[in-house]
PDB file of N, CA and C in Angstrom:
ATOM      1  N   MET A   1      67.547 -69.884  85.836  1.00  0.00           N
ATOM      2  CA  MET A   1      66.273 -70.882  86.141  1.00  0.00           C
ATOM      3  C   MET A   1      66.095 -70.031  87.188  1.00  0.00           C
ATOM      4  N   ALA A   2      66.338 -69.178  88.214  1.00  0.00           N
ATOM      5  CA  ALA A   2      65.840 -68.695  89.674  1.00  0.00           C
ATOM      6  C   ALA A   2      64.605 -67.856  88.901  1.00  0.00           C
ATOM      7  N   ALA A   3      64.940 -67.846  88.431  1.00  0.00           N
ATOM      8  CA  ALA A   3      63.967 -66.628  87.557  1.00  0.00           C
ATOM      9  C   ALA A   3      62.614 -67.236  86.970  1.00  0.00           C
ATOM     10  N   ALA A   4      62.234 -68.961  86.871  1.00  0.00           N
ATOM     11  CA  ALA A   4      61.580 -69.226  86.336  1.00  0.00           C
ATOM     12  C   ALA A   4      60.717 -69.505  87.985  1.00  0.00           C
ATOM     13  N   ILE A   5      61.721 -70.539  88.883  1.00  0.00           N
ATOM     14  CA  ILE A   5      61.053 -70.655  89.115  1.00  0.00           C
ATOM     15  C   ILE A   5      60.580 -69.458  90.401  1.00  0.00           C
ATOM     16  N   LYS A   6      60.491 -68.291  90.546  1.00  0.00           N
ATOM     17  CA  LYS A   6      60.702 -67.232  91.151  1.00  0.00           C
ATOM     18  C   LYS A   6      59.042 -67.548  90.754  1.00  0.00           C
ATOM     19  N   LYS A   7      59.114 -67.008  89.094  1.00  0.00           N
ATOM     20  CA  LYS A   7      57.671 -66.079  88.281  1.00  0.00           C
ATOM     21  C   LYS A   7      56.802 -67.479  88.314  1.00  0.00           C
ATOM     22  N   GLN A   8      57.234 -69.020  88.595  1.00  0.00           N
ATOM     23  CA  GLN A   8      56.041 -69.572  88.511  1.00  0.00           C
ATOM     24  C   GLN A   8      55.345 -70.518  89.672  1.00  0.00           C
ATOM     25  N   LEU A   9      56.253 -70.175  90.486  1.00  0.00           N
ATOM     26  CA  LEU A   9      56.376 -70.613  91.840  1.00  0.00           C
ATOM     27  C   LEU A   9      55.790 -69.813  93.229  1.00  0.00           C
ATOM     28  N   ALA A  10      56.908 -68.458  92.864  1.00  0.00           N
ATOM     29  CA  ALA A  10      56.724 -67.246  93.891  1.00  0.00           C
ATOM     30  C   ALA A  10      57.333 -67.883  95.311  1.00  0.00           C
ATOM     31  N   LEU A  11      58.240 -67.733  94.601  1.00  0.00           N
ATOM     32  CA  LEU A  11      60.207 -68.590  95.389  1.00  0.00           C
ATOM     33  C   LEU A  11      60.627 -68.281  95.037  1.00  0.00           C
ATOM     34  N   GLU A  12      60.780 -67.871  96.447  1.00  0.00           N
ATOM     35  CA  GLU A  12      62.953 -66.911  96.042  1.00  0.00           C
ATOM     36  C   GLU A  12      64.184 -67.956  96.304  1.00  0.00           C
ATOM     37  N   THR A  13      64.715 -67.919  95.714  1.00  0.00           N
ATOM     38  CA  THR A  13      66.350 -68.970  95.466  1.00  0.00           C
ATOM     39  C   THR A  13      67.394 -68.148  96.067  1.00  0.00           C
ATOM     40  N   GLU A  14      68.708 -69.291  96.065  1.00  0.00           N
ATOM     41  CA  GLU A  14      69.570 -68.508  96.642  1.00  0.00           C
ATOM     42  C   GLU A  14      70.226 -69.767  95.811  1.00  0.00           C
ATOM     43  N   ILE A  15      71.388 -68.996  95.545  1.00  0.00           N
ATOM     44  CA  ILE A  15      72.232 -69.212  94.450  1.00  0.00           C
ATOM     45  C   ILE A  15      73.611 -69.232  94.987  1.00  0.00           C
ATOM     46  N   VAL A  16      73.995 -70.119  94.467  1.00  0.00           N
ATOM     47  CA  VAL A  16      75.323 -70.026  95.635  1.00  0.00           C
ATOM     48  C   VAL A  16      76.735 -71.595  94.739  1.00  0.00           C
ATOM     49  N   GLU A  17      77.701 -70.481  94.599  1.00  0.00           N
ATOM     50  CA  GLU A  17      78.884 -71.604  93.387  1.00  0.00           C
ATOM     51  C   GLU A  17      79.014 -72.508  93.661  1.00  0.00           C
ATOM     52  N   GLY A  18      79.199 -73.696  93.012  1.00  0.00           N
ATOM     53  CA  GLY A  18      79.689 -75.040  93.110  1.00  0.00           C
ATOM     54  C   GLY A  18      80.673 -75.283  92.427  1.00  0.00           C
ATOM     55  N   SER A  19      81.309 -76.099  92.163  1.00  0.00           N
ATOM     56  CA  SER A  19      81.885 -76.725  91.452  1.00  0.00           C
ATOM     57  C   SER A  19      82.485 -76.234  90.026  1.00  0.00           C
ATOM     58  N   ARG A  20      83.305 -76.395  89.262  1.00  0.00           N
ATOM     59  CA  ARG A  20      82.990 -76.180  88.137  1.00  0.00           C
ATOM     60  C   ARG A  20      82.187 -77.603  87.448  1.00  0.00           C
ATOM     61  N   GLY A  21      81.525 -76.394  86.232  1.00  0.00           N
ATOM     62  CA  GLY A  21      80.396 -77.812  85.520  1.00  0.00           C
ATOM     63  C   GLY A  21      79.926 -77.582  86.534  1.00  0.00           C
ATOM     64  N   GLU A  22      79.085 -77.709  87.608  1.00  0.00           N
ATOM     65  CA  GLU A  22      78.699 -78.604  88.673  1.00  0.00           C
ATOM     66  C   GLU A  22      76.881 -77.582  88.982  1.00  0.00           C
ATOM     67  N   PHE A  23      76.183 -78.171  88.107  1.00  0.00           N
ATOM     68  CA  PHE A  23      74.581 -77.567  88.956  1.00  0.00           C
ATOM     69  C   PHE A  23      73.544 -78.692  88.982  1.00  0.00           C
ATOM     70  N   THR A  24      73.062 -77.590  90.872  1.00  0.00           N
ATOM     71  CA  THR A  24      72.106 -78.588  90.860  1.00  0.00           C
ATOM     72  C   THR A  24      71.211 -78.323  91.880  1.00  0.00           C
ATOM     73  N   VAL A  25      70.288 -78.663  91.813  1.00  0.00           N
ATOM     74  CA  VAL A  25      68.911 -77.581  91.981  1.00  0.00           C
ATOM     75  C   VAL A  25      68.596 -78.331  94.267  1.00  0.00           C
ATOM     76  N   TRP A  26      68.355 -77.477  95.305  1.00  0.00           N
ATOM     77  CA  TRP A  26      68.525 -77.913  96.550  1.00  0.00           C
ATOM     78  C   TRP A  26      66.925 -78.143  97.193  1.00  0.00           C
ATOM     79  N   VAL A  27      65.993 -77.998  97.823  1.00  0.00           N
ATOM     80  CA  VAL A  27      64.947 -77.595  98.049  1.00  0.00           C
ATOM     81  C   VAL A  27      65.201 -78.081  99.145  1.00  0.00           C
ATOM     82  N   GLY A  28      65.806 -77.423 100.337  1.00  0.00           N
ATOM     83  CA  GLY A  28      66.319 -77.703 101.886  1.00  0.00           C
ATOM     84  C   GLY A  28      66.552 -78.652 101.947  1.00  0.00           C
ATOM     85  N   ASP A  29      67.196 -79.629 102.110  1.00  0.00           N
ATOM     86  CA  ASP A  29      68.240 -81.099 102.528  1.00  0.00           C
ATOM     87  C   ASP A  29      68.067 -82.152 101.152  1.00  0.00           C
ATOM     88  N   ARG A  30      67.133 -81.110  99.789  1.00  0.00           N
ATOM     89  CA  ARG A  30      67.004 -82.689  99.176  1.00  0.00           C
ATOM     90  C   ARG A  30      67.385 -81.824  97.703  1.00  0.00           C
ATOM     91  N   CYS A  31      68.134 -82.833  97.280  1.00  0.00           N
ATOM     92  CA  CYS A  31      68.348 -82.169  95.750  1.00  0.00           C
ATOM     93  C   CYS A  31      66.930 -83.084  94.579  1.00  0.00           C
ATOM     94  N   VAL A  32      66.516 -82.058  93.933  1.00  0.00           N
ATOM     95  CA  VAL A  32      65.668 -81.792  92.927  1.00  0.00           C
ATOM     96  C   VAL A  32      66.148 -82.086  91.452  1.00  0.00           C
ATOM     97  N   ALA A  33      67.132 -81.630  91.175  1.00  0.00           N
ATOM     98  CA  ALA A  33      67.406 -81.790  89.310  1.00  0.00           C
ATOM     99  C   ALA A  33      68.891 -80.997  90.043  1.00  0.00           C
ATOM    100  N   LYS A  34      70.036 -82.169  88.776  1.00  0.00           N
ATOM    101  CA  LYS A  34      71.131 -82.173  88.576  1.00  0.00           C
ATOM    102  C   LYS A  34      71.571 -82.098  87.136  1.00  0.00           C
ATOM    103  N   LYS A  35      72.621 -81.151  86.812  1.00  0.00           N
ATOM    104  CA  LYS A  35      73.037 -81.063  85.725  1.00  0.00           C
ATOM    105  C   LYS A  35      74.350 -83.277  86.124  1.00  0.00           C
ATOM    106  N   ASP A  36      74.242 -83.519  84.671  1.00  0.00           N
ATOM    107  CA  ASP A  36      74.491 -84.501  84.300  1.00  0.00           C
ATOM    108  C   ASP A  36      74.559 -85.124  82.732  1.00  0.00           C
ATOM    109  N   ARG A  37      75.247 -86.322  82.406  1.00  0.00           N
ATOM    110  CA  ARG A  37      76.091 -86.510  81.221  1.00  0.00           C
ATOM    111  C   ARG A  37      75.553 -85.657  80.525  1.00  0.00           C
ATOM    112  N   ASP A  38      74.069 -86.228  80.376  1.00  0.00           N
ATOM    113  CA  ASP A  38      73.444 -86.013  78.765  1.00  0.00           C
ATOM    114  C   ASP A  38      73.288 -83.726  78.668  1.00  0.00           C
ATOM    115  N   GLY A  39      73.357 -83.375  80.176  1.00  0.00           N
ATOM    116  CA  GLY A  39      73.865 -81.836  80.073  1.00  0.00           C
ATOM    117  C   GLY A  39      72.322 -81.784  81.196  1.00  0.00           C
ATOM    118  N   PHE A  40      71.938 -79.671  81.383  1.00  0.00           N
ATOM    119  CA  PHE A  40      70.957 -79.911  81.853  1.00  0.00           C
ATOM    120  C   PHE A  40      68.711 -80.289  82.274  1.00  0.00           C
ATOM    121  N   PRO A  41      69.505 -80.508  82.972  1.00  0.00           N
ATOM    122  CA  PRO A  41      68.143 -80.649  82.954  1.00  0.00           C
ATOM    123  C   PRO A  41      66.689 -79.137  82.079  1.00  0.00           C
ATOM    124  N   GLU A  42      65.681 -79.648  81.927  1.00  0.00           N
ATOM    125  CA  GLU A  42      64.973 -78.592  81.188  1.00  0.00           C
ATOM    126  C   GLU A  42      63.956 -78.354  82.432  1.00  0.00           C
ATOM    127  N   ASP A  43      64.149 -76.227  81.811  1.00  0.00           N
ATOM    128  CA  ASP A  43      63.306 -75.345  83.359  1.00  0.00           C
ATOM    129  C   ASP A  43      62.446 -75.829  84.048  1.00  0.00           C
ATOM    130  N   ALA A  44      61.761 -76.607  82.382  1.00  0.00           N
ATOM    131  CA  ALA A  44      60.534 -77.069  83.125  1.00  0.00           C
ATOM    132  C   ALA A  44      59.985 -78.302  84.226  1.00  0.00           C
ATOM    133  N   SER A  45      60.862 -78.927  83.608  1.00  0.00           N
ATOM    134  CA  SER A  45      61.164 -80.113  84.856  1.00  0.00           C
ATOM    135  C   SER A  45      61.872 -79.738  85.986  1.00  0.00           C
ATOM    136  N   ILE A  46      62.719 -78.890  86.033  1.00  0.00           N
ATOM    137  CA  ILE A  46      63.124 -78.189  87.683  1.00  0.00           C
ATOM    138  C   ILE A  46      62.172 -78.156  88.074  1.00  0.00           C
ATOM    139  N   VAL A  47      61.212 -76.737  87.407  1.00  0.00           N
ATOM    140  CA  VAL A  47      59.877 -75.955  88.771  1.00  0.00           C
ATOM    141  C   VAL A  47      58.901 -76.805  89.107  1.00  0.00           C
ATOM    142  N   GLU A  48      58.341 -78.733  88.019  1.00  0.00           N
ATOM    143  CA  GLU A  48      57.996 -78.302  88.358  1.00  0.00           C
ATOM    144  C   GLU A  48      58.768 -80.668  89.408  1.00  0.00           C
ATOM    145  N   ALA A  49      59.794 -80.873  89.789  1.00  0.00           N
ATOM    146  CA  ALA A  49      60.073 -81.070  90.565  1.00  0.00           C
ATOM    147  C   ALA A  49      60.632 -80.140  92.259  1.00  0.00           C
ATOM    148  N   VAL A  50      60.654 -78.789  92.110  1.00  0.00           N
ATOM    149  CA  VAL A  50      60.752 -77.729  92.969  1.00  0.00           C
ATOM    150  C   VAL A  50      59.453 -77.852  93.643  1.00  0.00           C
ATOM    151  N   ARG A  51      58.548 -78.009  93.122  1.00  0.00           N
ATOM    152  CA  ARG A  51      56.350 -77.794  93.125  1.00  0.00           C
ATOM    153  C   ARG A  51      56.259 -79.001  93.711  1.00  0.00           C
ATOM    154  N   ARG A  52      57.104 -80.314  92.946  1.00  0.00           N
ATOM    155  CA  ARG A  52      56.718 -81.351  94.010  1.00  0.00           C
ATOM    156  C   ARG A  52      57.105 -81.858  95.353  1.00  0.00           C
ATOM    157  N   ALA A  53      58.916 -80.797  95.556  1.00  0.00           N
ATOM    158  CA  ALA A  53      59.342 -80.967  96.549  1.00  0.00           C
ATOM    159  C   ALA A  53      58.724 -80.036  98.264  1.00  0.00           C
ATOM    160  N   MET A  54      58.564 -79.203  96.996  1.00  0.00           N
ATOM    161  CA  MET A  54      58.231 -78.151  98.240  1.00  0.00           C
ATOM    162  C   MET A  54      55.964 -78.809  98.223  1.00  0.00           C
ATOM    163  N   GLY A  55      55.647 -79.330  97.514  1.00  0.00           N
ATOM    164  CA  GLY A  55      55.206 -80.235  98.378  1.00  0.00           C
ATOM    165  C   GLY A  55      54.351 -81.297  99.198  1.00  0.00           C
ATOM    166  N   ALA A  56      55.671 -81.480  99.361  1.00  0.00           N
ATOM    167  CA  ALA A  56      56.134 -83.723 100.158  1.00  0.00           C
ATOM    168  C   ALA A  56      56.363 -82.329 101.735  1.00  0.00           C
ATOM    169  N   ALA A  57      57.078 -80.741 101.596  1.00  0.00           N
ATOM    170  CA  ALA A  57      57.897 -80.906 102.755  1.00  0.00           C
ATOM    171  C   ALA A  57      56.737 -80.390 103.005  1.00  0.00           C
TER     172      ALA A  57
END
C-alpha cells in the first residue's frame, strides 16, 4: 500500500505498527481508510481517499 501511494501520489508514508489485525490509513489527524469486518479496503480506494484528503488539506 505504501508503495502504491508513493508511486501514484508521489507521497512518502510512515508505517506505524498498531494492534494485532489493525489497518488504518491516516492523513494528518484524519482517518481516511481502515479495515473493517469485510476486510481490507481496495488499494485504489485507499489511494483515492488519500488524494481527496490531500486536496482538502
